[in-house]
Amino acid sequence: MVYESNQEPKENEVSAWTVAVGNFPMPWTSKKKKQKAEKALAIIRELDGLYGVTPMPPNGTLLTFDTLNHAKIASNILISKGIKTGDNICEVFLDKAYITS
């Protein structure tokens, strides 16, 4: 489900879209889980339009994308690779100062 904000970004903001994934492993996590996470990160690094990754423990991690289309494509790719994702894609507003081209 897509949740679009009912607001407009402020002058110093840009609209972005989030996809939730699981938590990244902690230092004490098993080697097997760390290896699975490394494979997932290799896929995530290659996703088009990725702005960044924001850990939100204990609930998971948010992947932030530049467009709704990139977020939808990323979600579908992740699911097809067996990576658990959240059911929602949500619009957020980011300060332009933190966006690099």
Protein backbone atom coordinates (compact mmCIF):
# COMPACT_ATOMS: atom_id res chain seq x y z
CA MET A 1 0.00 0.00 0.00
CA VAL A 2 1.26 3.48 -0.83
CA TYR A 3 0.86 6.26 1.73
CA GLU A 4 1.14 9.66 0.09
CA SER A 5 1.39 12.69 2.32
CA ASN A 6 -1.50 15.13 2.22
CA GLN A 7 1.05 17.94 2.53
CA GLU A 8 3.53 19.51 0.14
CA PRO A 9 7.26 19.68 0.86
CA LYS A 10 8.52 22.99 2.20
CA GLU A 11 10.81 25.13 0.06
CA ASN A 12 13.92 23.53 1.58
CA GLU A 13 12.57 19.96 1.30
CA VAL A 14 12.25 17.26 -1.33
CA SER A 15 9.72 14.43 -1.47
CA ALA A 16 11.13 10.91 -1.04
CA TRP A 17 9.72 7.40 -0.57
CA THR A 18 10.56 4.70 1.98
CA VAL A 19 10.55 0.91 1.89
CA ALA A 20 11.02 -0.98 5.15
CA VAL A 21 13.30 -3.99 5.50
CA GLY A 22 14.56 -5.94 8.51
CA ASN A 23 17.22 -4.93 11.00
CA PHE A 24 20.86 -5.10 10.04
CA PRO A 25 22.88 -7.57 12.14
CA MET A 26 24.53 -6.62 15.39
CA PRO A 27 28.14 -7.62 16.24
CA TRP A 28 26.93 -10.67 18.19
CA THR A 29 24.68 -11.93 15.38
CA SER A 30 25.51 -15.36 13.98
CA LYS A 31 27.88 -15.62 11.03
CA LYS A 32 25.12 -17.11 8.86
CA LYS A 33 22.79 -14.14 9.47
CA LYS A 34 25.63 -11.70 8.81
CA GLN A 35 26.35 -13.41 5.49
CA LYS A 36 22.68 -13.17 4.49
CA ALA A 37 22.69 -9.48 5.44
CA GLU A 38 25.81 -8.88 3.31
CA LYS A 39 24.05 -10.43 0.31
CA ALA A 40 21.02 -8.23 0.93
CA LEU A 41 23.22 -5.13 1.24
CA ALA A 42 24.93 -5.94 -2.06
CA ILE A 43 21.50 -5.94 -3.72
CA ILE A 44 20.38 -2.78 -1.91
CA ARG A 45 23.51 -0.87 -2.97
CA GLU A 46 22.61 -1.44 -6.63
CA LEU A 47 19.01 -0.19 -6.43
CA ASP A 48 18.22 2.81 -8.60
CA GLY A 49 17.29 6.05 -6.86
CA LEU A 50 18.51 5.02 -3.40
CA TYR A 51 19.03 8.09 -1.23
CA GLY A 52 20.01 6.27 1.93
CA VAL A 53 19.50 3.68 4.63
CA THR A 54 18.14 4.55 8.07
CA PRO A 55 18.25 1.94 10.87
CA MET A 56 15.13 2.13 13.06
CA PRO A 57 15.77 -0.55 15.72
CA PRO A 58 14.03 -2.56 16.93
CA ASN A 59 11.49 -2.21 14.13
CA GLY A 60 13.74 -2.53 11.09
CA THR A 61 15.46 -0.30 8.55
CA LEU A 62 14.09 2.26 6.10
CA LEU A 63 15.43 2.47 2.57
CA THR A 64 14.74 5.92 1.11
CA PHE A 65 14.30 6.50 -2.63
CA ASP A 66 14.03 9.56 -4.85
CA THR A 67 10.76 8.57 -6.57
CA LEU A 68 7.71 6.43 -5.90
CA ASN A 69 8.50 4.39 -9.00
CA HIS A 70 12.03 3.60 -7.78
CA ALA A 71 10.61 2.59 -4.38
CA LYS A 72 8.07 0.25 -6.00
CA ILE A 73 10.69 -1.32 -8.26
CA ALA A 74 13.07 -1.74 -5.31
CA SER A 75 10.37 -3.39 -3.21
CA ASN A 76 9.59 -5.84 -6.01
CA ILE A 77 13.28 -6.64 -6.56
CA LEU A 78 13.86 -7.22 -2.86
CA ILE A 79 10.82 -9.47 -2.56
CA SER A 80 11.90 -11.45 -5.65
CA LYS A 81 15.32 -12.01 -4.00
CA GLY A 82 13.70 -13.33 -0.81
CA ILE A 83 14.36 -10.20 1.25
CA LYS A 84 11.53 -9.42 3.65
CA THR A 85 10.03 -5.98 3.16
CA GLY A 86 7.24 -4.05 4.78
CA ASP A 87 3.82 -3.86 3.16
CA ASN A 88 3.87 -0.08 2.81
CA ILE A 89 5.69 2.53 0.77
CA CYS A 90 5.48 5.89 2.49
CA GLU A 91 6.20 9.45 1.38
CA VAL A 92 8.57 11.47 3.53
CA PHE A 93 10.15 14.90 3.17
CA LEU A 94 13.91 15.35 3.39
CA ASP A 95 15.91 18.53 3.79
CA LYS A 96 17.56 19.35 0.45
CA ALA A 97 20.83 19.99 2.30
CA TYR A 98 21.16 16.24 2.85
CA ILE A 99 20.53 15.23 -0.76
CA THR A 100 23.55 14.84 -3.03
CA SER A 101 23.28 14.34 -6.75
